[in-house]
């Protein structure tokens, strides 16, 4: 089977999944990127990947996204390429995406859309600079656009259970919805050199402390301000807690300057970390905290489960619906609720003996979301053998 896939940028977890598809020898994969970099980092494989790929040239205005650029090569391959199945991923408002979708529908080819749950109507990404894109009118137009796409596409690959529920609300029939969450290689989180972990904990004076971890962009949308507020209250009551924050972003300096002097020695900002370094920091922590205001999935939850960490997340994180079982491996809290976050963080500080139990459950849950199992879900979905009747882990822990 020959698969053609259009996406916007080469993110790390996508590359892992594409490698798994190519290495499976069950199909050949041709990937087309509309942008060469992911968050400013250009992907340059160390060796020839097991899939064909190209970064397409676009025609049109250069902006931070590919919304207004058309990639003629993608359109040509949709019309004249000899592939068994086509997948459109990335930005569904991009002109190239929309033109390809219309042509695939018009030519009656075998194709699917693969995406996260659409943004909530009242939510706008902080990285969107155009006022028109953040207006209520733009939200209504996006709703109409997604509704049309859901009716056009013969198959919809949904990134998580919440995406299945949301796309059904947009008009997609249940029999065309297929569960295909994001996956990543979590084995590397389980094979970390313990001496490297001990070195970090020793350098930061973490011995004997409950260490909470955040990993993600330093932006308002990720809820870092809520985490700092909750930790400040907890740290005033408990001298045996510490906080590690991985990631960079426009609000990092503001967050660092907001830390009270009395607890500054227990709050550690590390900035951007390479993929190679992440497993060590995850293993140096005890509990993963992710109070995001919205994430269509949130791959850091996969990584935290791979490191056998308990999870505290919010109802607006897609991965919470598939990888967090309430009271078993973590807790799902309301958005913008610093008090609830504090209570759940205090739970682990007061019940240290249960951290290992929660972490073991996280490890069990992530076992069903390896890249190799993702390949099986993909191929079953293409063959029409995988209707979306339940979640990846069948836990059903959170409700949208």
Protein backbone atom coordinates (compact mmCIF):
# COMPACT_ATOMS: atom_id res chain seq x y z
CA UNK A 1 0.00 0.00 0.00
CA UNK A 2 1.30 3.44 -0.95
CA UNK A 3 0.33 6.29 1.41
CA UNK A 4 0.72 10.00 0.67
CA UNK A 5 0.58 12.38 3.65
CA UNK A 6 0.49 16.19 3.70
CA UNK A 7 1.37 17.97 6.93
CA UNK A 8 2.62 21.39 7.92
CA UNK A 9 5.88 20.85 9.78
CA UNK A 10 8.24 18.05 10.89
CA UNK A 11 7.58 17.80 14.62
CA UNK A 12 9.67 15.29 16.56
CA UNK A 13 6.81 12.94 17.45
CA UNK A 14 5.56 12.90 13.86
CA UNK A 15 8.98 11.87 12.60
CA UNK A 16 9.02 8.99 15.10
CA UNK A 17 5.63 7.86 13.83
CA UNK A 18 6.64 8.18 10.18
CA UNK A 19 9.76 6.12 10.90
CA UNK A 20 7.60 3.43 12.49
CA UNK A 21 5.37 3.35 9.39
CA UNK A 22 8.37 3.04 7.10
CA UNK A 23 10.05 0.40 9.25
CA UNK A 24 6.88 -1.69 9.46
CA UNK A 25 7.32 -2.80 5.82
CA UNK A 26 3.55 -3.00 5.60
CA UNK A 27 3.34 0.09 3.43
CA UNK A 28 5.39 2.80 1.75
CA UNK A 29 4.98 6.38 2.96
CA UNK A 30 5.52 9.66 1.12
CA UNK A 31 5.36 12.76 3.35
CA UNK A 32 5.04 16.34 2.12
CA UNK A 33 5.85 19.20 4.52
CA UNK A 34 4.59 22.70 3.78
CA UNK A 35 7.12 24.21 6.21
CA UNK A 36 10.77 23.14 6.76
CA UNK A 37 11.02 23.72 10.51
CA UNK A 38 9.26 23.00 13.78
CA UNK A 39 9.35 25.89 16.26
CA UNK A 40 12.37 27.35 14.50
CA UNK A 41 14.34 24.10 14.30
CA UNK A 42 14.92 22.75 10.80
CA UNK A 43 14.69 18.97 10.62
CA UNK A 44 17.86 17.40 9.25
CA UNK A 45 17.84 13.60 9.57
CA UNK A 46 21.15 12.04 10.58
CA UNK A 47 20.53 9.16 8.20
CA UNK A 48 18.16 8.44 5.34
CA UNK A 49 14.69 7.93 6.89
CA UNK A 50 12.62 4.87 5.93
CA UNK A 51 10.06 7.08 4.20
CA UNK A 52 10.10 9.44 1.25
CA UNK A 53 9.74 13.13 2.08
CA UNK A 54 9.89 16.58 0.52
CA UNK A 55 9.58 20.12 1.83
CA UNK A 56 7.31 21.85 -0.66
CA UNK A 57 7.80 25.29 -2.10
CA UNK A 58 4.84 27.59 -1.64
CA UNK A 59 3.48 30.46 -3.65
CA UNK A 60 2.01 33.39 -1.76
CA UNK A 61 2.74 35.70 1.19
CA UNK A 62 5.26 34.55 3.79
CA UNK A 63 3.75 34.53 7.27
CA UNK A 64 4.29 32.52 10.45
CA UNK A 65 1.88 29.92 9.13
CA UNK A 66 1.25 28.45 5.71
CA UNK A 67 -2.39 29.62 5.62
CA UNK A 68 -2.10 31.79 2.55
CA UNK A 69 0.51 29.86 0.59
CA UNK A 70 -0.28 27.36 -2.13
CA UNK A 71 2.07 24.44 -2.83
CA UNK A 72 1.61 23.49 -6.52
CA UNK A 73 3.53 20.23 -6.06
CA UNK A 74 1.01 18.96 -3.50
CA UNK A 75 -1.89 19.76 -5.82
CA UNK A 76 -0.18 18.04 -8.76
CA UNK A 77 0.47 14.88 -6.70
CA UNK A 78 -3.13 14.77 -5.51
CA UNK A 79 -4.36 14.95 -9.09
CA UNK A 80 -1.84 12.74 -10.84
CA UNK A 81 -0.03 10.75 -8.14
CA UNK A 82 -0.59 7.01 -7.98
CA UNK A 83 -1.13 6.42 -4.31
CA UNK A 84 -3.55 4.05 -2.63
CA UNK A 85 -4.46 6.42 0.20
CA UNK A 86 -4.07 10.13 0.93
CA UNK A 87 -3.94 11.75 4.39
CA UNK A 88 -4.28 15.47 5.09
CA UNK A 89 -2.93 16.68 8.43
CA UNK A 90 -1.81 19.99 9.92
CA UNK A 91 -3.71 23.22 9.40
CA UNK A 92 -7.21 22.70 8.01
CA UNK A 93 -7.46 26.42 7.22
CA UNK A 94 -4.36 26.35 4.98
CA UNK A 95 -5.13 26.96 1.32
CA UNK A 96 -3.07 23.98 0.20
CA UNK A 97 -4.92 21.71 2.64
CA UNK A 98 -8.31 22.98 1.49
CA UNK A 99 -7.54 22.71 -2.23
CA UNK A 100 -6.21 19.17 -1.78
CA UNK A 101 -9.30 18.18 0.22
CA UNK A 102 -11.62 19.52 -2.49
CA UNK A 103 -9.71 17.73 -5.27
CA UNK A 104 -9.59 14.43 -3.38
CA UNK A 105 -13.34 14.66 -2.81
CA UNK A 106 -13.99 15.66 -6.42
CA UNK A 107 -11.81 12.86 -7.82
CA UNK A 108 -13.38 10.32 -5.41
CA UNK A 109 -10.01 9.10 -4.17
CA UNK A 110 -9.40 7.20 -0.95
CA UNK A 111 -8.41 9.77 1.66
CA UNK A 112 -8.74 10.93 5.25
CA UNK A 113 -8.23 13.94 7.48
CA UNK A 114 -6.04 13.43 10.56
CA UNK A 115 -6.38 16.04 13.28
CA UNK A 116 -6.74 17.07 16.89
CA UNK A 117 -10.03 18.30 18.31
CA UNK A 118 -10.89 21.77 16.95
CA UNK A 119 -10.31 24.74 19.20
CA UNK A 120 -13.14 25.62 21.57
CA UNK A 121 -15.25 28.43 20.13
CA UNK A 122 -14.16 30.93 22.79
CA UNK A 123 -10.45 29.98 22.79
CA UNK A 124 -7.77 31.52 20.60
CA UNK A 125 -4.13 30.47 20.45
CA UNK A 126 -1.83 33.11 21.93
CA UNK A 127 0.52 32.82 18.96
CA UNK A 128 -2.15 34.11 16.54
CA UNK A 129 -1.29 37.75 15.89
CA UNK A 130 -3.98 38.70 13.38
CA UNK A 131 -7.01 40.30 15.02
CA UNK A 132 -9.23 38.99 12.25
CA UNK A 133 -8.17 35.43 13.06
CA UNK A 134 -9.09 35.92 16.72
CA UNK A 135 -12.48 37.51 16.10
CA UNK A 136 -15.84 35.80 16.78
CA UNK A 137 -16.55 35.92 13.05
CA UNK A 138 -13.38 33.97 12.33
CA UNK A 139 -14.46 31.39 14.90
CA UNK A 140 -17.81 30.93 13.16
CA UNK A 141 -16.14 30.62 9.77
CA UNK A 142 -13.77 27.97 11.14
CA UNK A 143 -16.73 26.05 12.54
CA UNK A 144 -18.44 26.10 9.16
CA UNK A 145 -15.24 25.09 7.40
CA UNK A 146 -14.57 22.14 9.68
CA UNK A 147 -18.19 21.03 9.39
CA UNK A 148 -17.90 20.95 5.60
CA UNK A 149 -14.61 19.03 5.77
CA UNK A 150 -16.11 16.49 8.17
CA UNK A 151 -18.86 15.75 5.68
CA UNK A 152 -16.52 15.61 2.70
CA UNK A 153 -13.87 13.28 4.11
CA UNK A 154 -14.64 9.56 3.78
CA UNK A 155 -12.49 8.88 6.87
CA UNK A 156 -11.40 11.03 9.83
CA UNK A 157 -8.43 9.96 11.94
CA UNK A 158 -8.99 11.49 15.39
CA UNK A 159 -6.19 12.41 17.77
CA UNK A 160 -7.78 11.05 20.91
CA UNK A 161 -11.22 10.31 22.29
CA UNK A 162 -12.09 13.97 22.73
CA UNK A 163 -11.43 14.55 19.01
CA UNK A 164 -13.89 11.76 18.17
CA UNK A 165 -16.55 13.41 20.31
CA UNK A 166 -15.91 16.88 18.90
CA UNK A 167 -15.80 15.86 15.24
CA UNK A 168 -19.08 14.02 15.66
CA UNK A 169 -20.57 17.29 16.92
CA UNK A 170 -19.26 18.93 13.74
CA UNK A 171 -21.28 16.52 11.64
CA UNK A 172 -19.01 13.55 10.98
CA UNK A 173 -20.80 10.20 11.06
CA UNK A 174 -19.55 7.87 13.77
CA UNK A 175 -18.74 5.14 11.27
CA UNK A 176 -16.08 7.31 9.59
CA UNK A 177 -14.31 8.33 12.84
CA UNK A 178 -11.12 6.39 13.60
CA UNK A 179 -9.03 6.68 16.76
CA UNK A 180 -5.41 7.59 15.95
CA UNK A 181 -3.76 9.40 18.90
CA UNK A 182 -0.29 10.88 18.82
CA UNK A 183 2.39 8.46 19.92
CA UNK A 184 6.07 8.71 20.76
CA UNK A 185 8.92 6.44 21.75
CA UNK A 186 8.66 6.23 25.54
CA UNK A 187 11.16 3.40 25.98
CA UNK A 188 13.96 5.95 26.25
CA UNK A 189 12.24 7.33 29.37
CA UNK A 190 12.63 3.92 31.00
CA UNK A 191 16.32 3.34 30.22
CA UNK A 192 17.84 6.44 31.80
CA UNK A 193 21.24 6.24 33.52
CA UNK A 194 20.42 6.50 37.26
CA UNK A 195 23.70 8.29 37.95
CA UNK A 196 22.61 11.14 35.65
CA UNK A 197 19.36 11.42 37.60
CA UNK A 198 21.20 11.40 40.92
CA UNK A 199 23.55 14.12 39.67
CA UNK A 200 20.67 16.46 38.80
CA UNK A 201 18.85 15.82 42.06
CA UNK A 202 22.08 16.39 43.98
CA UNK A 203 23.00 19.60 42.16
CA UNK A 204 19.53 21.05 42.77
CA UNK A 205 19.27 19.81 46.37
CA UNK A 206 16.21 17.71 45.57
CA UNK A 207 16.96 14.82 47.88
CA UNK A 208 14.08 14.14 50.24
CA UNK A 209 11.75 16.46 48.31
CA UNK A 210 8.65 15.79 46.23
CA UNK A 211 9.58 17.18 42.82
CA UNK A 212 6.85 18.50 40.53
CA UNK A 213 7.64 18.85 36.83
CA UNK A 214 6.26 21.00 34.01
CA UNK A 215 7.37 20.68 30.38
CA UNK A 216 6.06 22.93 27.62
CA UNK A 217 6.01 26.41 26.17
CA UNK A 218 6.22 29.32 28.60
CA UNK A 219 2.95 30.92 27.54
CA UNK A 220 -0.35 31.90 29.12
CA UNK A 221 -2.09 29.05 27.30
CA UNK A 222 -0.05 26.41 29.12
CA UNK A 223 -1.19 27.61 32.54
CA UNK A 224 2.29 28.13 33.99
CA UNK A 225 0.99 31.11 35.95
CA UNK A 226 -1.53 28.83 37.68
CA UNK A 227 1.17 26.28 38.48
CA UNK A 228 3.42 28.92 40.03
CA UNK A 229 0.50 30.26 42.08
CA UNK A 230 -0.38 26.80 43.38
CA UNK A 231 3.22 25.86 44.08
CA UNK A 232 3.83 29.11 45.94
CA UNK A 233 1.02 28.25 48.35
CA UNK A 234 2.20 24.66 48.73
CA UNK A 235 5.83 25.65 49.25
CA UNK A 236 4.86 28.05 52.06
CA UNK A 237 3.30 25.09 53.88
CA UNK A 238 5.76 22.37 52.91
CA UNK A 239 9.56 22.69 52.93
CA UNK A 240 9.88 19.30 51.23
CA UNK A 241 8.64 20.27 47.73
CA UNK A 242 10.39 21.58 44.61
CA UNK A 243 9.39 22.53 41.06
CA UNK A 244 11.22 21.96 37.76
CA UNK A 245 10.08 23.82 34.64
CA UNK A 246 11.32 22.80 31.20
CA UNK A 247 10.69 24.92 28.13
CA UNK A 248 11.08 28.41 26.78
CA UNK A 249 8.72 31.07 25.50
CA UNK A 250 7.78 34.74 25.50
CA UNK A 251 6.59 34.81 29.12
CA UNK A 252 9.46 32.94 30.72
CA UNK A 253 11.22 36.05 32.08
CA UNK A 254 7.98 37.32 33.59
CA UNK A 255 7.41 33.97 35.30
CA UNK A 256 10.93 33.86 36.67
CA UNK A 257 10.66 37.37 38.07
CA UNK A 258 7.36 36.52 39.77
CA UNK A 259 8.90 33.90 42.08
CA UNK A 260 8.89 34.91 45.74
CA UNK A 261 12.37 35.17 47.23
CA UNK A 262 11.41 32.82 50.05
CA UNK A 263 10.95 29.88 47.65
CA UNK A 264 13.25 30.86 44.78
CA UNK A 265 15.79 28.15 45.64
CA UNK A 266 13.08 25.50 45.08
CA UNK A 267 11.85 26.67 41.66
CA UNK A 268 14.16 25.79 38.76
CA UNK A 269 13.75 27.03 35.18
CA UNK A 270 15.78 25.12 32.60
CA UNK A 271 14.62 26.66 29.31
CA UNK A 272 14.56 24.63 26.12
CA UNK A 273 15.77 21.05 26.55
CA UNK A 274 16.83 18.77 23.74
CA UNK A 275 14.94 15.55 23.16
CA UNK A 276 18.03 13.66 24.32
CA UNK A 277 18.01 15.43 27.70
CA UNK A 278 14.29 15.25 28.45
CA UNK A 279 14.24 11.67 29.86
CA UNK A 280 16.78 12.55 32.54
CA UNK A 281 14.76 15.51 33.81
CA UNK A 282 11.52 13.53 33.73
CA UNK A 283 13.13 10.78 35.79
CA UNK A 284 14.43 13.33 38.28
CA UNK A 285 10.83 14.32 39.06
CA UNK A 286 8.07 12.64 41.06
CA UNK A 287 4.84 14.16 39.69
CA UNK A 288 4.02 15.71 36.32
CA UNK A 289 1.84 18.84 36.30
CA UNK A 290 0.26 20.21 33.12
CA UNK A 291 -2.43 22.85 33.86
CA UNK A 292 -2.86 23.82 30.19
CA UNK A 293 -5.80 26.00 29.20
CA UNK A 294 -6.02 24.10 25.93
CA UNK A 295 -4.07 21.36 24.16
CA UNK A 296 -5.65 19.30 21.40
CA UNK A 297 -3.57 16.38 22.67
CA UNK A 298 -0.44 17.24 24.70
CA UNK A 299 2.35 14.79 23.90
CA UNK A 300 4.16 15.64 27.14
CA UNK A 301 1.53 13.50 28.88
CA UNK A 302 2.75 10.51 26.85
CA UNK A 303 6.30 11.30 27.93
CA UNK A 304 5.32 11.63 31.59
CA UNK A 305 3.52 8.29 31.48
CA UNK A 306 6.60 6.76 29.86
CA UNK A 307 8.66 8.03 32.79
CA UNK A 308 6.17 6.39 35.20
CA UNK A 309 4.99 9.68 36.68
CA UNK A 310 1.58 10.48 38.18
CA UNK A 311 -0.24 13.11 36.11
CA UNK A 312 -2.11 16.26 37.09
CA UNK A 313 -3.75 17.75 34.01
CA UNK A 314 -6.83 19.73 33.00
CA UNK A 315 -10.06 18.92 31.18
CA UNK A 316 -8.85 20.90 28.19
CA UNK A 317 -5.91 18.57 27.48
CA UNK A 318 -6.90 15.93 24.94
CA UNK A 319 -4.52 13.30 26.28
CA UNK A 320 -6.26 13.49 29.67
CA UNK A 321 -9.23 11.59 28.23
CA UNK A 322 -7.07 8.65 27.17
CA UNK A 323 -4.07 8.64 29.51
CA UNK A 324 -5.36 9.78 32.90
CA UNK A 325 -7.61 7.59 35.02
CA UNK A 326 -8.99 9.68 37.86
CA UNK A 327 -7.56 8.60 41.21
CA UNK A 328 -5.55 5.76 39.64
CA UNK A 329 -2.62 7.37 37.82
CA UNK A 330 -3.51 11.02 38.30
CA UNK A 331 -6.17 13.69 38.42
CA UNK A 332 -8.00 15.83 35.86
CA UNK A 333 -8.90 19.28 37.17
CA UNK A 334 -10.98 22.18 35.81
CA UNK A 335 -9.28 24.85 33.72
CA UNK A 336 -8.08 28.00 35.51
CA UNK A 337 -8.57 26.42 38.93
CA UNK A 338 -5.40 27.07 40.95
CA UNK A 339 -7.12 25.84 44.13
CA UNK A 340 -7.90 22.44 42.61
CA UNK A 341 -4.34 22.23 41.32
CA UNK A 342 -3.00 22.99 44.79
CA UNK A 343 -5.18 20.30 46.35
CA UNK A 344 -3.97 17.66 43.91
CA UNK A 345 -0.34 18.66 44.33
CA UNK A 346 -0.82 18.49 48.10
CA UNK A 347 -2.30 15.00 47.74
CA UNK A 348 1.02 13.65 46.49
CA UNK A 349 3.00 15.57 49.10
CA UNK A 350 0.80 14.05 51.80
CA UNK A 351 0.76 10.57 50.28
CA UNK A 352 4.32 9.98 49.10
CA UNK A 353 3.88 6.23 49.33
CA UNK A 354 1.27 6.31 46.55
CA UNK A 355 3.44 8.05 43.96
CA UNK A 356 5.03 4.80 42.80
CA UNK A 357 1.60 3.14 42.56
CA UNK A 358 0.22 5.98 40.41
CA UNK A 359 3.34 5.96 38.26
CA UNK A 360 3.10 2.24 37.60
CA UNK A 361 -0.44 2.73 36.34
CA UNK A 362 0.77 5.49 33.99
CA UNK A 363 3.31 3.07 32.57
CA UNK A 364 0.59 0.49 31.97
CA UNK A 365 -1.59 3.00 30.15
CA UNK A 366 1.11 4.22 27.77
CA UNK A 367 1.90 0.67 26.69
CA UNK A 368 -1.05 0.89 24.25
CA UNK A 369 0.28 4.03 22.56
CA UNK A 370 3.64 3.15 21.04
CA UNK A 371 4.44 4.25 17.47
CA UNK A 372 4.25 0.60 16.37
CA UNK A 373 0.73 0.22 17.79
CA UNK A 374 -0.11 3.52 16.11
CA UNK A 375 0.85 2.00 12.76
CA UNK A 376 -1.58 -0.86 13.38
CA UNK A 377 -4.36 1.63 14.19
CA UNK A 378 -3.57 3.57 11.04
CA UNK A 379 -3.69 0.54 8.76
CA UNK A 380 -6.86 -0.78 10.41
CA UNK A 381 -8.45 2.62 9.90
CA UNK A 382 -7.47 2.72 6.24
CA UNK A 383 -9.02 -0.72 5.75
CA UNK A 384 -12.14 0.37 7.60
CA UNK A 385 -11.55 -2.10 10.44
CA UNK A 386 -11.24 0.38 13.30
CA UNK A 387 -14.45 2.32 14.01
CA UNK A 388 -14.09 4.69 16.96
CA UNK A 389 -16.21 3.06 19.62
CA UNK A 390 -13.93 3.55 22.63
CA UNK A 391 -10.80 5.34 23.79
CA UNK A 392 -7.23 4.16 23.34
CA UNK A 393 -7.08 2.91 26.91
CA UNK A 394 -10.84 2.54 27.47
CA UNK A 395 -10.59 4.47 30.73
CA UNK A 396 -13.17 7.15 29.98
CA UNK A 397 -11.83 9.22 32.84
CA UNK A 398 -12.80 12.72 31.73
CA UNK A 399 -15.79 14.30 30.10
CA UNK A 400 -15.47 17.20 27.65
